[in-house]
Amino acid sequence: VPIRAHMPPDAKLIAIGVFSPFFVPLKVLA
């Protein structure tokens, strides 16, 4: 929320790594 408030309305964070969409949410969960 803090960073998206300063991004364009339709902009989203990107995932460069192949496994980032899987491991990053798990890291945040932990």
Full PDB file with SEQRES, HELIX, SHEET, SSBOND, CRYST1, ORIGX, SCALE, CONECT and MASTER records, all heavy atoms in Angstrom:
SEQRES   1 A   30  VAL PRO ILE ARG ALA HIS MET PRO PRO ASP ALA LYS LEU          
SEQRES   2 A   30  ILE ALA ILE GLY VAL PHE SER PRO PHE PHE VAL PRO LEU          
SEQRES   3 A   30  LYS VAL LEU ALA                                              
HELIX    1 AA1 ARG A    4  HIS A    6  5                                   3    
HELIX    2 AA2 SER A   20  LEU A   29  1                                  10    
CRYST1    1.000    1.000    1.000  90.00  90.00  90.00 P 1           1          
ORIGX1      1.000000  0.000000  0.000000        0.00000                         
ORIGX2      0.000000  1.000000  0.000000        0.00000                         
ORIGX3      0.000000  0.000000  1.000000        0.00000                         
SCALE1      1.000000  0.000000  0.000000        0.00000                         
SCALE2      0.000000  1.000000  0.000000        0.00000                         
SCALE3      0.000000  0.000000  1.000000        0.00000                         
ATOM      1  N   VAL A   1       0.814  -1.219   0.000  1.00  0.00           N  
ATOM      2  CA  VAL A   1       0.000   0.000   0.000  1.00  0.00           C  
ATOM      3  C   VAL A   1       0.851   1.274   0.000  1.00  0.00           C  
ATOM      4  O   VAL A   1       0.582   2.200  -0.779  1.00  0.00           O  
ATOM      5  CB  VAL A   1      -0.970  -0.013   1.197  1.00  0.00           C  
ATOM      6  CG1 VAL A   1      -1.621   1.351   1.379  1.00  0.00           C  
ATOM      7  CG2 VAL A   1      -2.031  -1.086   0.998  1.00  0.00           C  
ATOM      8  N   PRO A   2       1.908   1.393   0.827  1.00  0.00           N  
ATOM      9  CA  PRO A   2       2.665   2.652   0.846  1.00  0.00           C  
ATOM     10  C   PRO A   2       3.301   3.003  -0.496  1.00  0.00           C  
ATOM     11  O   PRO A   2       3.287   4.169  -0.894  1.00  0.00           O  
ATOM     12  CB  PRO A   2       3.735   2.404   1.919  1.00  0.00           C  
ATOM     13  CG  PRO A   2       3.151   1.357   2.800  1.00  0.00           C  
ATOM     14  CD  PRO A   2       2.369   0.474   1.885  1.00  0.00           C  
ATOM     15  N   ILE A   3       3.864   2.014  -1.197  1.00  0.00           N  
ATOM     16  CA  ILE A   3       4.542   2.341  -2.451  1.00  0.00           C  
ATOM     17  C   ILE A   3       3.555   2.506  -3.598  1.00  0.00           C  
ATOM     18  O   ILE A   3       3.754   3.341  -4.490  1.00  0.00           O  
ATOM     19  CB  ILE A   3       5.610   1.275  -2.793  1.00  0.00           C  
ATOM     20  CG1 ILE A   3       6.501   1.782  -3.925  1.00  0.00           C  
ATOM     21  CG2 ILE A   3       4.954  -0.067  -3.153  1.00  0.00           C  
ATOM     22  CD1 ILE A   3       7.698   0.911  -4.180  1.00  0.00           C  
ATOM     23  N   ARG A   4       2.461   1.755  -3.594  1.00  0.00           N  
ATOM     24  CA  ARG A   4       1.484   1.880  -4.672  1.00  0.00           C  
ATOM     25  C   ARG A   4       0.756   3.221  -4.613  1.00  0.00           C  
ATOM     26  O   ARG A   4       0.239   3.691  -5.626  1.00  0.00           O  
ATOM     27  CB  ARG A   4       0.474   0.731  -4.614  1.00  0.00           C  
ATOM     28  CG  ARG A   4       1.067  -0.635  -4.933  1.00  0.00           C  
ATOM     29  CD  ARG A   4      -0.006  -1.619  -5.322  1.00  0.00           C  
ATOM     30  NE  ARG A   4      -0.687  -1.214  -6.548  1.00  0.00           N  
ATOM     31  CZ  ARG A   4      -1.750  -1.852  -7.053  1.00  0.00           C  
ATOM     32  NH1 ARG A   4      -2.240  -2.897  -6.412  1.00  0.00           N  
ATOM     33  NH2 ARG A   4      -2.319  -1.442  -8.157  1.00  0.00           N  
ATOM     34  N   ALA A   5       0.733   3.830  -3.429  1.00  0.00           N  
ATOM     35  CA  ALA A   5       0.113   5.150  -3.314  1.00  0.00           C  
ATOM     36  C   ALA A   5       0.878   6.212  -4.103  1.00  0.00           C  
ATOM     37  O   ALA A   5       0.330   7.259  -4.423  1.00  0.00           O  
ATOM     38  CB  ALA A   5       0.022   5.557  -1.849  1.00  0.00           C  
ATOM     39  N   HIS A   6       2.146   5.922  -4.432  1.00  0.00           N  
ATOM     40  CA  HIS A   6       2.975   6.877  -5.167  1.00  0.00           C  
ATOM     41  C   HIS A   6       3.305   6.375  -6.570  1.00  0.00           C  
ATOM     42  O   HIS A   6       4.219   6.892  -7.215  1.00  0.00           O  
ATOM     43  CB  HIS A   6       4.265   7.149  -4.391  1.00  0.00           C  
ATOM     44  CG  HIS A   6       4.029   7.757  -3.042  1.00  0.00           C  
ATOM     45  ND1 HIS A   6       3.798   9.100  -2.850  1.00  0.00           N  
ATOM     46  CD2 HIS A   6       3.959   7.192  -1.805  1.00  0.00           C  
ATOM     47  CE1 HIS A   6       3.622   9.347  -1.566  1.00  0.00           C  
ATOM     48  NE2 HIS A   6       3.704   8.200  -0.910  1.00  0.00           N  
ATOM     49  N   MET A   7       2.568   5.380  -7.028  1.00  0.00           N  
ATOM     50  CA  MET A   7       2.725   4.864  -8.385  1.00  0.00           C  
ATOM     51  C   MET A   7       1.495   5.235  -9.207  1.00  0.00           C  
ATOM     52  O   MET A   7       0.454   5.606  -8.640  1.00  0.00           O  
ATOM     53  CB  MET A   7       2.905   3.331  -8.348  1.00  0.00           C  
ATOM     54  CG  MET A   7       4.167   2.877  -7.641  1.00  0.00           C  
ATOM     55  SD  MET A   7       4.241   1.069  -7.418  1.00  0.00           S  
ATOM     56  CE  MET A   7       4.212   0.513  -9.121  1.00  0.00           C  
ATOM     57  N   PRO A   8       1.585   5.176 -10.524  1.00  0.00           N  
ATOM     58  CA  PRO A   8       0.397   5.442 -11.357  1.00  0.00           C  
ATOM     59  C   PRO A   8      -0.753   4.517 -10.964  1.00  0.00           C  
ATOM     60  O   PRO A   8      -0.536   3.402 -10.446  1.00  0.00           O  
ATOM     61  CB  PRO A   8       0.896   5.148 -12.777  1.00  0.00           C  
ATOM     62  CG  PRO A   8       2.365   5.391 -12.718  1.00  0.00           C  
ATOM     63  CD  PRO A   8       2.789   4.958 -11.348  1.00  0.00           C  
ATOM     64  N   PRO A   9      -1.994   4.936 -11.190  1.00  0.00           N  
ATOM     65  CA  PRO A   9      -3.164   4.172 -10.716  1.00  0.00           C  
ATOM     66  C   PRO A   9      -3.178   2.716 -11.176  1.00  0.00           C  
ATOM     67  O   PRO A   9      -3.558   1.826 -10.405  1.00  0.00           O  
ATOM     68  CB  PRO A   9      -4.351   4.944 -11.289  1.00  0.00           C  
ATOM     69  CG  PRO A   9      -3.832   6.337 -11.463  1.00  0.00           C  
ATOM     70  CD  PRO A   9      -2.389   6.196 -11.833  1.00  0.00           C  
ATOM     71  N   ASP A  10      -2.784   2.445 -12.400  1.00  0.00           N  
ATOM     72  CA  ASP A  10      -2.841   1.078 -12.919  1.00  0.00           C  
ATOM     73  C   ASP A  10      -1.515   0.340 -12.803  1.00  0.00           C  
ATOM     74  O   ASP A  10      -1.406  -0.798 -13.273  1.00  0.00           O  
ATOM     75  CB  ASP A  10      -3.290   1.107 -14.388  1.00  0.00           C  
ATOM     76  CG  ASP A  10      -4.701   1.664 -14.534  1.00  0.00           C  
ATOM     77  OD1 ASP A  10      -5.496   1.490 -13.588  1.00  0.00           O  
ATOM     78  OD2 ASP A  10      -4.984   2.280 -15.586  1.00  0.00           O  
ATOM     79  N   ALA A  11      -0.514   0.964 -12.203  1.00  0.00           N  
ATOM     80  CA  ALA A  11       0.803   0.338 -12.107  1.00  0.00           C  
ATOM     81  C   ALA A  11       0.820  -0.710 -10.985  1.00  0.00           C  
ATOM     82  O   ALA A  11       0.109  -0.586  -9.983  1.00  0.00           O  
ATOM     83  CB  ALA A  11       1.871   1.387 -11.854  1.00  0.00           C  
ATOM     84  N   LYS A  12       1.629  -1.731 -11.169  1.00  0.00           N  
ATOM     85  CA  LYS A  12       1.771  -2.793 -10.181  1.00  0.00           C  
ATOM     86  C   LYS A  12       3.247  -3.102  -9.990  1.00  0.00           C  
ATOM     87  O   LYS A  12       4.085  -2.794 -10.835  1.00  0.00           O  
ATOM     88  CB  LYS A  12       1.043  -4.065 -10.641  1.00  0.00           C  
ATOM     89  CG  LYS A  12      -0.468  -3.910 -10.784  1.00  0.00           C  
ATOM     90  CD  LYS A  12      -1.094  -5.228 -11.219  1.00  0.00           C  
ATOM     91  CE  LYS A  12      -2.600  -5.094 -11.371  1.00  0.00           C  
ATOM     92  NZ  LYS A  12      -3.227  -6.375 -11.792  1.00  0.00           N  
ATOM     93  N   LEU A  13       3.554  -3.702  -8.856  1.00  0.00           N  
ATOM     94  CA  LEU A  13       4.904  -4.207  -8.641  1.00  0.00           C  
ATOM     95  C   LEU A  13       5.160  -5.377  -9.578  1.00  0.00           C  
ATOM     96  O   LEU A  13       4.242  -6.132  -9.925  1.00  0.00           O  
ATOM     97  CB  LEU A  13       5.079  -4.650  -7.186  1.00  0.00           C  
ATOM     98  CG  LEU A  13       4.922  -3.561  -6.119  1.00  0.00           C  
ATOM     99  CD1 LEU A  13       4.989  -4.189  -4.734  1.00  0.00           C  
ATOM    100  CD2 LEU A  13       5.970  -2.488  -6.259  1.00  0.00           C  
ATOM    101  N   ILE A  14       6.399  -5.530  -9.988  1.00  0.00           N  
ATOM    102  CA  ILE A  14       6.737  -6.596 -10.932  1.00  0.00           C  
ATOM    103  C   ILE A  14       7.559  -7.667 -10.223  1.00  0.00           C  
ATOM    104  O   ILE A  14       8.141  -7.423  -9.162  1.00  0.00           O  
ATOM    105  CB  ILE A  14       7.512  -6.043 -12.149  1.00  0.00           C  
ATOM    106  CG1 ILE A  14       8.841  -5.431 -11.689  1.00  0.00           C  
ATOM    107  CG2 ILE A  14       6.673  -5.021 -12.895  1.00  0.00           C  
ATOM    108  CD1 ILE A  14       9.730  -4.992 -12.832  1.00  0.00           C  
ATOM    109  N   ALA A  15       7.580  -8.837 -10.806  1.00  0.00           N  
ATOM    110  CA  ALA A  15       8.375  -9.959 -10.296  1.00  0.00           C  
ATOM    111  C   ALA A  15       9.364 -10.359 -11.376  1.00  0.00           C  
ATOM    112  O   ALA A  15       8.980 -10.950 -12.395  1.00  0.00           O  
ATOM    113  CB  ALA A  15       7.478 -11.135  -9.923  1.00  0.00           C  
ATOM    114  N   ILE A  16      10.631 -10.025 -11.172  1.00  0.00           N  
ATOM    115  CA  ILE A  16      11.652 -10.328 -12.173  1.00  0.00           C  
ATOM    116  C   ILE A  16      12.070 -11.784 -12.106  1.00  0.00           C  
ATOM    117  O   ILE A  16      12.239 -12.458 -13.120  1.00  0.00           O  
ATOM    118  CB  ILE A  16      12.868  -9.400 -11.980  1.00  0.00           C  
ATOM    119  CG1 ILE A  16      12.458  -7.940 -12.189  1.00  0.00           C  
ATOM    120  CG2 ILE A  16      13.999  -9.776 -12.926  1.00  0.00           C  
ATOM    121  CD1 ILE A  16      13.568  -6.945 -11.962  1.00  0.00           C  
ATOM    122  N   GLY A  17      12.262 -12.300 -10.906  1.00  0.00           N  
ATOM    123  CA  GLY A  17      12.701 -13.677 -10.754  1.00  0.00           C  
ATOM    124  C   GLY A  17      11.630 -14.672 -11.170  1.00  0.00           C  
ATOM    125  O   GLY A  17      10.422 -14.410 -11.035  1.00  0.00           O  
ATOM    126  N   VAL A  18      12.079 -15.828 -11.634  1.00  0.00           N  
ATOM    127  CA  VAL A  18      11.152 -16.861 -12.087  1.00  0.00           C  
ATOM    128  C   VAL A  18      10.299 -17.365 -10.927  1.00  0.00           C  
ATOM    129  O   VAL A  18       9.085 -17.591 -11.076  1.00  0.00           O  
ATOM    130  CB  VAL A  18      11.925 -18.023 -12.734  1.00  0.00           C  
ATOM    131  CG1 VAL A  18      10.962 -19.151 -13.135  1.00  0.00           C  
ATOM    132  CG2 VAL A  18      12.716 -17.546 -13.940  1.00  0.00           C  
ATOM    133  N   PHE A  19      10.914 -17.536  -9.774  1.00  0.00           N  
ATOM    134  CA  PHE A  19      10.199 -18.099  -8.621  1.00  0.00           C  
ATOM    135  C   PHE A  19       9.732 -17.030  -7.636  1.00  0.00           C  
ATOM    136  O   PHE A  19       9.202 -17.373  -6.573  1.00  0.00           O  
ATOM    137  CB  PHE A  19      11.092 -19.112  -7.894  1.00  0.00           C  
ATOM    138  CG  PHE A  19      11.526 -20.263  -8.758  1.00  0.00           C  
ATOM    139  CD1 PHE A  19      12.815 -20.319  -9.257  1.00  0.00           C  
ATOM    140  CD2 PHE A  19      10.638 -21.282  -9.080  1.00  0.00           C  
ATOM    141  CE1 PHE A  19      13.214 -21.374 -10.064  1.00  0.00           C  
ATOM    142  CE2 PHE A  19      11.030 -22.339  -9.880  1.00  0.00           C  
ATOM    143  CZ  PHE A  19      12.324 -22.385 -10.373  1.00  0.00           C  
ATOM    144  N   SER A  20       9.934 -15.764  -7.951  1.00  0.00           N  
ATOM    145  CA  SER A  20       9.539 -14.690  -7.034  1.00  0.00           C  
ATOM    146  C   SER A  20       8.050 -14.697  -6.699  1.00  0.00           C  
ATOM    147  O   SER A  20       7.678 -14.494  -5.536  1.00  0.00           O  
ATOM    148  CB  SER A  20       9.934 -13.334  -7.618  1.00  0.00           C  
ATOM    149  OG  SER A  20      11.329 -13.209  -7.696  1.00  0.00           O  
ATOM    150  N   PRO A  21       7.150 -14.937  -7.668  1.00  0.00           N  
ATOM    151  CA  PRO A  21       5.718 -14.943  -7.323  1.00  0.00           C  
ATOM    152  C   PRO A  21       5.337 -16.009  -6.305  1.00  0.00           C  
ATOM    153  O   PRO A  21       4.295 -15.900  -5.654  1.00  0.00           O  
ATOM    154  CB  PRO A  21       5.022 -15.197  -8.668  1.00  0.00           C  
ATOM    155  CG  PRO A  21       5.996 -14.730  -9.685  1.00  0.00           C  
ATOM    156  CD  PRO A  21       7.343 -15.059  -9.125  1.00  0.00           C  
ATOM    157  N   PHE A  22       6.197 -17.027  -6.151  1.00  0.00           N  
ATOM    158  CA  PHE A  22       5.903 -18.094  -5.193  1.00  0.00           C  
ATOM    159  C   PHE A  22       6.625 -17.875  -3.866  1.00  0.00           C  
ATOM    160  O   PHE A  22       6.015 -17.977  -2.789  1.00  0.00           O  
ATOM    161  CB  PHE A  22       6.310 -19.448  -5.776  1.00  0.00           C  
ATOM    162  CG  PHE A  22       6.140 -20.607  -4.821  1.00  0.00           C  
ATOM    163  CD1 PHE A  22       4.882 -21.119  -4.537  1.00  0.00           C  
ATOM    164  CD2 PHE A  22       7.246 -21.171  -4.186  1.00  0.00           C  
ATOM    165  CE1 PHE A  22       4.725 -22.174  -3.647  1.00  0.00           C  
ATOM    166  CE2 PHE A  22       7.093 -22.223  -3.303  1.00  0.00           C  
ATOM    167  CZ  PHE A  22       5.836 -22.729  -3.026  1.00  0.00           C  
ATOM    168  N   PHE A  23       7.928 -17.557  -3.932  1.00  0.00           N  
ATOM    169  CA  PHE A  23       8.727 -17.488  -2.715  1.00  0.00           C  
ATOM    170  C   PHE A  23       8.539 -16.181  -1.947  1.00  0.00           C  
ATOM    171  O   PHE A  23       8.601 -16.180  -0.710  1.00  0.00           O  
ATOM    172  CB  PHE A  23      10.218 -17.688  -3.038  1.00  0.00           C  
ATOM    173  CG  PHE A  23      10.576 -19.106  -3.332  1.00  0.00           C  
ATOM    174  CD1 PHE A  23      10.968 -19.488  -4.601  1.00  0.00           C  
ATOM    175  CD2 PHE A  23      10.512 -20.084  -2.344  1.00  0.00           C  
ATOM    176  CE1 PHE A  23      11.298 -20.802  -4.881  1.00  0.00           C  
ATOM    177  CE2 PHE A  23      10.834 -21.403  -2.609  1.00  0.00           C  
ATOM    178  CZ  PHE A  23      11.230 -21.761  -3.883  1.00  0.00           C  
ATOM    179  N   VAL A  24       8.326 -15.080  -2.639  1.00  0.00           N  
ATOM    180  CA  VAL A  24       8.188 -13.801  -1.936  1.00  0.00           C  
ATOM    181  C   VAL A  24       6.956 -13.788  -1.024  1.00  0.00           C  
ATOM    182  O   VAL A  24       7.051 -13.380   0.138  1.00  0.00           O  
ATOM    183  CB  VAL A  24       8.161 -12.633  -2.939  1.00  0.00           C  
ATOM    184  CG1 VAL A  24       7.814 -11.329  -2.232  1.00  0.00           C  
ATOM    185  CG2 VAL A  24       9.515 -12.505  -3.631  1.00  0.00           C  
ATOM    186  N   PRO A  25       5.765 -14.222  -1.480  1.00  0.00           N  
ATOM    187  CA  PRO A  25       4.629 -14.285  -0.548  1.00  0.00           C  
ATOM    188  C   PRO A  25       4.872 -15.205   0.638  1.00  0.00           C  
ATOM    189  O   PRO A  25       4.418 -14.902   1.758  1.00  0.00           O  
ATOM    190  CB  PRO A  25       3.477 -14.800  -1.431  1.00  0.00           C  
ATOM    191  CG  PRO A  25       3.850 -14.379  -2.814  1.00  0.00           C  
ATOM    192  CD  PRO A  25       5.341 -14.519  -2.864  1.00  0.00           C  
ATOM    193  N   LEU A  26       5.584 -16.313   0.416  1.00  0.00           N  
ATOM    194  CA  LEU A  26       5.904 -17.193   1.543  1.00  0.00           C  
ATOM    195  C   LEU A  26       6.844 -16.510   2.527  1.00  0.00           C  
ATOM    196  O   LEU A  26       6.723 -16.687   3.740  1.00  0.00           O  
ATOM    197  CB  LEU A  26       6.531 -18.492   1.020  1.00  0.00           C  
ATOM    198  CG  LEU A  26       5.614 -19.435   0.246  1.00  0.00           C  
ATOM    199  CD1 LEU A  26       6.374 -20.690  -0.166  1.00  0.00           C  
ATOM    200  CD2 LEU A  26       4.395 -19.810   1.081  1.00  0.00           C  
ATOM    201  N   LYS A  27       7.785 -15.729   1.994  1.00  0.00           N  
ATOM    202  CA  LYS A  27       8.705 -14.997   2.859  1.00  0.00           C  
ATOM    203  C   LYS A  27       7.952 -13.970   3.701  1.00  0.00           C  
ATOM    204  O   LYS A  27       8.213 -13.817   4.901  1.00  0.00           O  
ATOM    205  CB  LYS A  27       9.768 -14.307   2.006  1.00  0.00           C  
ATOM    206  CG  LYS A  27      10.837 -13.586   2.792  1.00  0.00           C  
ATOM    207  CD  LYS A  27      11.889 -13.009   1.865  1.00  0.00           C  
ATOM    208  CE  LYS A  27      12.997 -12.324   2.648  1.00  0.00           C  
ATOM    209  NZ  LYS A  27      14.048 -11.765   1.733  1.00  0.00           N  
ATOM    210  N   VAL A  28       7.015 -13.281   3.079  1.00  0.00           N  
ATOM    211  CA  VAL A  28       6.214 -12.299   3.802  1.00  0.00           C  
ATOM    212  C   VAL A  28       5.347 -12.996   4.852  1.00  0.00           C  
ATOM    213  O   VAL A  28       5.167 -12.502   5.967  1.00  0.00           O  
ATOM    214  CB  VAL A  28       5.350 -11.489   2.823  1.00  0.00           C  
ATOM    215  CG1 VAL A  28       4.370 -10.584   3.571  1.00  0.00           C  
ATOM    216  CG2 VAL A  28       6.236 -10.666   1.906  1.00  0.00           C  
ATOM    217  N   LEU A  29       4.800 -14.162   4.497  1.00  0.00           N  
ATOM    218  CA  LEU A  29       3.986 -14.925   5.440  1.00  0.00           C  
ATOM    219  C   LEU A  29       4.814 -15.336   6.650  1.00  0.00           C  
ATOM    220  O   LEU A  29       4.351 -15.236   7.804  1.00  0.00           O  
ATOM    221  CB  LEU A  29       3.399 -16.152   4.747  1.00  0.00           C  
ATOM    222  CG  LEU A  29       2.568 -17.091   5.625  1.00  0.00           C  
ATOM    223  CD1 LEU A  29       1.309 -16.377   6.128  1.00  0.00           C  
ATOM    224  CD2 LEU A  29       2.192 -18.356   4.851  1.00  0.00           C  
ATOM    225  N   ALA A  30       6.040 -15.805   6.410  1.00  0.00           N  
ATOM    226  CA  ALA A  30       6.902 -16.211   7.522  1.00  0.00           C  
ATOM    227  C   ALA A  30       7.260 -15.012   8.392  1.00  0.00           C  
ATOM    228  O   ALA A  30       7.252 -15.097   9.635  1.00  0.00           O  
ATOM    229  CB  ALA A  30       8.161 -16.873   6.975  1.00  0.00           C  
TER     230      ALA A  30                                                      
MASTER        0    0    0    2    0    0    0    6  229    1    0    3          
END                                                                             
